[in-house]
Amino acid sequence: MSYVTRFAPSPTGPLHIGHAFSALTAYRCAQSHDGTFLLRIEDIDRARSRDEYEQQIYDDLRWLGLDWPTPVMRQSDRMPAYRAALDRLIEMGLCYPCNCSRGDIRAALSAPQEGAPIEGPDGVIYPGTCRGRPMSEAGPTDAIRLDMTRATAHLDALPAFRETGPLFSGVHPLVANDMIVQIGDVILARKDMGTSYHLSVVVDDADQGITEVVRGADLFAATWIHVLLQALLGLPILQYHHHALIRDDTGKRLAKRDDARAIRAYREDGLSPDDVLKMIGLTVTPSAT
């Protein structure tokens, strides 16, 4: 099987040097395996996505020396594929509608008997207030959640995934109790999107034939969700490579609102691609494939 990886930014702000590091890491992984590097635009957040940011993604990455096959996959064009995957999980009896607001969740978690809230990949672990509601009660303002207890019990055996990145290298098996306690009932479809990051990324990776996902260490905890969904949907279990994050002078992870470190800002200041590569610890400009 040929090697395929991808870089999948959201067009909700300018790319910063942390994105440059991630894109170049994925690009070089593809080169080292004589494989394929794909670009995907993750624009399911239509309220925040902007055409100008999408164009800037293309411009910044080309300036860094990257290229990729076209046309580029855009998530906003793929809602039927996400709905089909969601419907399949619903038919398995693994989902329920949830009408809890963030305030409702905070209130439930603040009850004395609940103890301190536990943080998971999506923030505090959902307390299960709506668990048990039938899908027949789902309305247009409901989110759809995965019942993690039912989902982990649905499989005869939980899968494991292989991590090749230096931070978490090894084989990581999924453990039902850890999934239930440390991750909880994640959202598969948000009321304002019709899908979620977790669901759409799994469907897209399978449809694009991705063999290894290269991304930042901040997404390592989400991998258990993605591998579980792959198994439930009968999709290939992928290999993962999570790399270190580029941080600011205080050690904080870079965000898109940090315009001072945007690739565009360095371009406008007259820096060369090699200057940016040296800033992020990469000294050799990648050649075009």
Protein backbone atom coordinates (compact mmCIF):
# COMPACT_ATOMS: atom_id res chain seq x y z
CA MET A 1 0.00 0.00 0.00
CA SER A 2 1.38 3.41 -0.95
CA TYR A 3 1.88 6.03 1.74
CA VAL A 4 -0.64 8.90 1.86
CA THR A 5 -0.83 11.68 4.42
CA ARG A 6 -2.44 15.10 4.57
CA PHE A 7 -2.50 18.59 6.04
CA ALA A 8 -6.01 19.72 6.92
CA PRO A 9 -6.30 23.35 8.06
CA SER A 10 -9.50 25.26 8.76
CA PRO A 11 -9.94 28.58 6.89
CA THR A 12 -10.93 30.48 10.02
CA GLY A 13 -7.82 32.64 10.29
CA PRO A 14 -4.31 33.05 8.92
CA LEU A 15 -1.87 30.16 9.14
CA HIS A 16 0.92 30.67 11.68
CA ILE A 17 4.37 29.12 11.94
CA GLY A 18 2.96 26.21 13.92
CA HIS A 19 0.88 25.33 10.87
CA ALA A 20 4.00 25.67 8.73
CA PHE A 21 5.77 23.12 10.94
CA SER A 22 2.86 20.69 10.77
CA ALA A 23 2.42 21.00 7.01
CA LEU A 24 6.14 20.60 6.36
CA THR A 25 6.36 17.62 8.72
CA ALA A 26 3.56 15.87 6.84
CA TYR A 27 5.07 16.84 3.48
CA ARG A 28 8.44 15.44 4.42
CA CYS A 29 6.92 12.24 5.78
CA ALA A 30 5.30 11.75 2.38
CA GLN A 31 8.59 12.46 0.61
CA SER A 32 10.53 10.03 2.82
CA HIS A 33 8.05 7.26 1.97
CA ASP A 34 7.89 8.18 -1.72
CA GLY A 35 4.23 8.79 -1.04
CA THR A 36 1.53 11.41 -1.52
CA PHE A 37 0.84 14.62 0.41
CA LEU A 38 -2.75 15.87 0.24
CA LEU A 39 -4.28 19.19 1.28
CA ARG A 40 -7.80 19.20 2.73
CA ILE A 41 -9.83 22.24 3.72
CA GLU A 42 -11.77 21.59 6.92
CA ASP A 43 -14.49 24.22 6.61
CA ILE A 44 -17.47 22.66 8.39
CA ASP A 45 -17.59 25.75 10.64
CA ARG A 46 -19.33 27.87 8.03
CA ALA A 47 -19.92 30.74 10.46
CA ARG A 48 -16.16 31.32 10.87
CA SER A 49 -14.75 30.08 7.55
CA ARG A 50 -13.76 32.74 5.02
CA ASP A 51 -12.87 32.47 1.33
CA GLU A 52 -9.97 34.87 1.79
CA TYR A 53 -8.44 32.65 4.48
CA GLU A 54 -8.75 29.61 2.22
CA GLN A 55 -6.94 31.42 -0.58
CA GLN A 56 -4.28 32.53 1.87
CA ILE A 57 -3.73 28.89 2.89
CA TYR A 58 -2.91 28.02 -0.72
CA ASP A 59 -0.66 31.07 -1.11
CA ASP A 60 1.25 30.49 2.14
CA LEU A 61 1.85 26.79 1.54
CA ARG A 62 3.02 27.33 -2.03
CA TRP A 63 5.36 30.07 -0.78
CA LEU A 64 6.86 27.51 1.63
CA GLY A 65 7.55 25.21 -1.32
CA LEU A 66 4.72 22.70 -0.92
CA ASP A 67 2.53 21.30 -3.66
CA TRP A 68 -0.34 18.82 -3.72
CA PRO A 69 -2.79 17.11 -6.08
CA THR A 70 -5.92 18.99 -7.12
CA PRO A 71 -8.82 19.39 -6.75
CA VAL A 72 -8.58 19.87 -3.01
CA MET A 73 -11.19 18.18 -0.82
CA ARG A 74 -13.42 20.68 1.00
CA GLN A 75 -15.56 19.46 3.87
CA SER A 76 -18.42 21.81 3.07
CA ASP A 77 -18.99 19.75 -0.10
CA ARG A 78 -19.26 16.47 1.81
CA MET A 79 -22.21 16.78 4.18
CA PRO A 80 -24.05 13.78 2.62
CA ALA A 81 -21.05 11.53 3.39
CA TYR A 82 -21.04 12.65 7.04
CA ARG A 83 -24.80 12.17 7.31
CA ALA A 84 -24.51 8.64 5.93
CA ALA A 85 -21.87 7.76 8.54
CA LEU A 86 -23.97 9.30 11.32
CA ASP A 87 -27.06 7.42 10.17
CA ARG A 88 -25.12 4.17 10.29
CA LEU A 89 -24.08 4.78 13.90
CA ILE A 90 -27.67 5.74 14.77
CA GLU A 91 -28.94 2.51 13.20
CA MET A 92 -26.52 0.59 15.43
CA GLY A 93 -28.25 2.14 18.45
CA LEU A 94 -25.11 3.98 19.55
CA CYS A 95 -26.34 7.59 19.52
CA TYR A 96 -28.74 9.85 21.37
CA PRO A 97 -29.93 13.45 21.01
CA CYS A 98 -28.72 16.05 23.48
CA ASN A 99 -30.28 19.45 24.12
CA CYS A 100 -27.95 20.49 26.94
CA SER A 101 -26.42 23.94 26.70
CA ARG A 102 -22.94 24.67 27.97
CA GLY A 103 -24.60 26.25 30.99
CA ASP A 104 -26.60 23.08 31.65
CA ILE A 105 -23.43 21.01 31.55
CA ARG A 106 -21.57 23.38 33.87
CA ALA A 107 -24.50 23.30 36.31
CA ALA A 108 -24.63 19.49 36.29
CA LEU A 109 -20.91 19.25 36.85
CA SER A 110 -20.98 21.74 39.70
CA ALA A 111 -23.25 19.53 41.80
CA PRO A 112 -21.34 18.52 44.98
CA GLN A 113 -21.84 14.80 44.42
CA GLU A 114 -20.20 14.98 41.01
CA GLY A 115 -16.79 15.98 42.34
CA ALA A 116 -14.24 17.84 40.22
CA PRO A 117 -15.00 17.85 36.47
CA ILE A 118 -12.73 15.63 34.39
CA GLU A 119 -11.20 17.11 31.24
CA GLY A 120 -11.25 15.08 28.04
CA PRO A 121 -10.35 15.76 24.39
CA ASP A 122 -13.45 17.97 24.01
CA GLY A 123 -13.22 19.71 27.38
CA VAL A 124 -15.08 18.58 30.48
CA ILE A 125 -16.55 15.09 30.26
CA TYR A 126 -20.26 15.22 29.48
CA PRO A 127 -22.22 14.07 32.59
CA GLY A 128 -24.73 12.02 30.59
CA THR A 129 -27.80 14.14 31.33
CA CYS A 130 -29.54 13.21 28.05
CA ARG A 131 -28.20 9.67 27.83
CA GLY A 132 -31.06 7.29 27.21
CA ARG A 133 -33.15 9.72 25.17
CA PRO A 134 -34.35 7.92 22.02
CA MET A 135 -33.41 9.25 18.62
CA SER A 136 -37.13 9.60 17.91
CA GLU A 137 -37.06 12.65 20.19
CA ALA A 138 -34.27 14.36 18.21
CA GLY A 139 -35.16 17.88 17.15
CA PRO A 140 -33.44 20.49 14.97
CA THR A 141 -31.75 22.12 17.96
CA ASP A 142 -30.30 18.88 19.36
CA ALA A 143 -26.73 17.70 19.09
CA ILE A 144 -26.14 13.99 18.51
CA ARG A 145 -23.82 12.23 20.95
CA LEU A 146 -22.10 8.86 20.86
CA ASP A 147 -23.03 6.64 23.81
CA MET A 148 -19.50 5.59 24.71
CA THR A 149 -20.57 2.67 26.90
CA ARG A 150 -22.66 1.16 24.11
CA ALA A 151 -20.08 1.98 21.46
CA THR A 152 -17.21 0.21 23.22
CA ALA A 153 -19.46 -2.78 24.01
CA HIS A 154 -20.61 -3.01 20.39
CA LEU A 155 -17.26 -4.35 19.18
CA ASP A 156 -16.10 -7.88 19.91
CA ALA A 157 -12.63 -6.48 20.60
CA LEU A 158 -11.41 -2.93 20.77
CA PRO A 159 -8.66 -2.04 18.28
CA ALA A 160 -5.18 -0.62 18.83
CA PHE A 161 -3.33 1.95 16.76
CA ARG A 162 0.34 2.44 15.99
CA GLU A 163 2.04 5.76 16.71
CA THR A 164 5.27 6.59 14.88
CA GLY A 165 5.88 10.07 16.26
CA PRO A 166 8.74 10.52 18.73
CA LEU A 167 6.53 11.76 21.55
CA PHE A 168 4.18 8.78 21.87
CA SER A 169 5.85 6.04 19.84
CA GLY A 170 4.42 2.54 20.19
CA VAL A 171 1.19 0.59 19.96
CA HIS A 172 -1.79 2.00 21.87
CA PRO A 173 -4.77 -0.27 22.59
CA LEU A 174 -8.19 1.18 23.26
CA VAL A 175 -9.53 0.34 26.72
CA ALA A 176 -13.29 0.51 27.27
CA ASN A 177 -13.24 1.90 30.81
CA ASP A 178 -10.71 4.58 29.87
CA MET A 179 -12.86 5.60 26.90
CA ILE A 180 -15.96 5.88 29.09
CA VAL A 181 -14.33 7.69 32.02
CA GLN A 182 -11.68 9.82 30.32
CA ILE A 183 -13.45 10.70 27.06
CA GLY A 184 -17.19 10.21 27.56
CA ASP A 185 -20.09 10.73 25.19
CA VAL A 186 -18.58 12.95 22.50
CA ILE A 187 -20.63 14.96 20.03
CA LEU A 188 -20.88 13.47 16.53
CA ALA A 189 -23.12 16.15 15.03
CA ARG A 190 -23.53 19.71 16.22
CA LYS A 191 -26.85 21.44 15.66
CA ASP A 192 -25.28 24.29 13.68
CA MET A 193 -23.00 22.08 11.53
CA GLY A 194 -24.71 18.73 11.00
CA THR A 195 -21.43 16.97 11.77
CA SER A 196 -18.39 17.36 14.02
CA TYR A 197 -14.63 17.35 13.72
CA HIS A 198 -14.40 13.79 15.01
CA LEU A 199 -16.90 12.33 12.56
CA SER A 200 -15.86 14.31 9.49
CA VAL A 201 -12.12 13.70 9.89
CA VAL A 202 -12.64 9.94 10.14
CA VAL A 203 -14.85 9.83 7.05
CA ASP A 204 -12.50 12.07 5.07
CA ASP A 205 -9.34 10.18 5.99
CA ALA A 206 -10.93 6.93 4.82
CA ASP A 207 -12.28 8.42 1.58
CA GLN A 208 -8.92 9.98 0.74
CA GLY A 209 -7.02 6.75 1.39
CA ILE A 210 -4.90 8.26 4.15
CA THR A 211 -2.48 5.71 5.62
CA GLU A 212 -0.81 7.88 8.27
CA VAL A 213 -2.22 10.97 9.97
CA VAL A 214 0.48 13.55 10.74
CA ARG A 215 -0.66 16.28 13.16
CA GLY A 216 0.17 18.12 16.37
CA ALA A 217 0.50 16.55 19.80
CA ASP A 218 -2.53 18.52 21.00
CA LEU A 219 -4.72 16.10 19.01
CA PHE A 220 -3.18 12.92 20.41
CA ALA A 221 -6.00 12.44 22.95
CA ALA A 222 -8.60 12.63 20.17
CA THR A 223 -7.00 9.66 18.42
CA TRP A 224 -8.85 7.16 20.62
CA ILE A 225 -12.16 8.65 19.43
CA HIS A 226 -11.11 8.48 15.80
CA VAL A 227 -9.85 4.91 15.99
CA LEU A 228 -13.05 3.81 17.73
CA LEU A 229 -15.15 5.43 14.99
CA GLN A 230 -12.99 3.79 12.33
CA ALA A 231 -13.68 0.39 13.90
CA LEU A 232 -17.41 1.02 14.32
CA LEU A 233 -17.77 2.15 10.70
CA GLY A 234 -15.69 -0.70 9.33
CA LEU A 235 -12.93 1.63 8.09
CA PRO A 236 -9.18 0.96 8.08
CA ILE A 237 -7.38 1.65 11.36
CA LEU A 238 -4.79 4.26 10.48
CA GLN A 239 -1.26 4.89 11.68
CA TYR A 240 -0.54 8.18 13.48
CA HIS A 241 2.38 10.55 13.89
CA HIS A 242 1.92 13.34 16.43
CA HIS A 243 4.65 15.96 16.42
CA ALA A 244 5.72 18.56 18.98
CA LEU A 245 4.03 21.94 18.96
CA ILE A 246 5.58 25.29 18.15
CA ARG A 247 4.98 27.57 21.14
CA ASP A 248 5.36 31.25 21.90
CA ASP A 249 7.94 32.76 24.25
CA THR A 250 5.79 31.93 27.30
CA GLY A 251 5.35 28.30 26.27
CA LYS A 252 1.75 28.77 25.12
CA ARG A 253 0.53 26.95 22.01
CA LEU A 254 0.13 29.29 19.05
CA ALA A 255 -3.40 30.24 17.97
CA LYS A 256 -4.74 31.77 14.77
CA ARG A 257 -5.49 34.99 16.59
CA ASP A 258 -1.73 35.42 17.08
CA ASP A 259 -1.33 37.43 13.87
CA ALA A 260 2.23 38.46 14.78
CA ARG A 261 3.36 34.91 14.03
CA ALA A 262 1.24 34.45 10.91
CA ILE A 263 3.11 33.19 7.86
CA ARG A 264 1.70 36.14 5.94
CA ALA A 265 3.29 38.58 8.42
CA TYR A 266 6.73 37.04 7.90
CA ARG A 267 6.24 37.17 4.13
CA GLU A 268 5.27 40.83 4.29
CA ASP A 269 8.31 41.55 6.49
CA GLY A 270 10.54 40.25 3.70
CA LEU A 271 11.60 36.95 5.23
CA SER A 272 12.34 34.06 2.89
CA PRO A 273 10.89 30.55 3.20
CA ASP A 274 14.29 29.36 4.46
CA ASP A 275 14.17 32.02 7.19
CA VAL A 276 10.86 30.62 8.40
CA LEU A 277 12.13 27.06 8.20
CA LYS A 278 15.10 27.93 10.40
CA MET A 279 12.75 29.55 12.93
CA ILE A 280 10.88 26.26 13.35
CA GLY A 281 13.98 24.06 13.35
CA LEU A 282 13.87 22.93 9.72
CA THR A 283 16.90 23.97 7.69
CA VAL A 284 16.45 22.36 4.30
CA THR A 285 13.87 23.67 1.89
CA PRO A 286 11.72 20.75 0.62
CA SER A 287 11.83 20.12 -3.10
CA ALA A 288 8.65 19.94 -5.13
CA THR A 289 7.36 16.49 -6.00
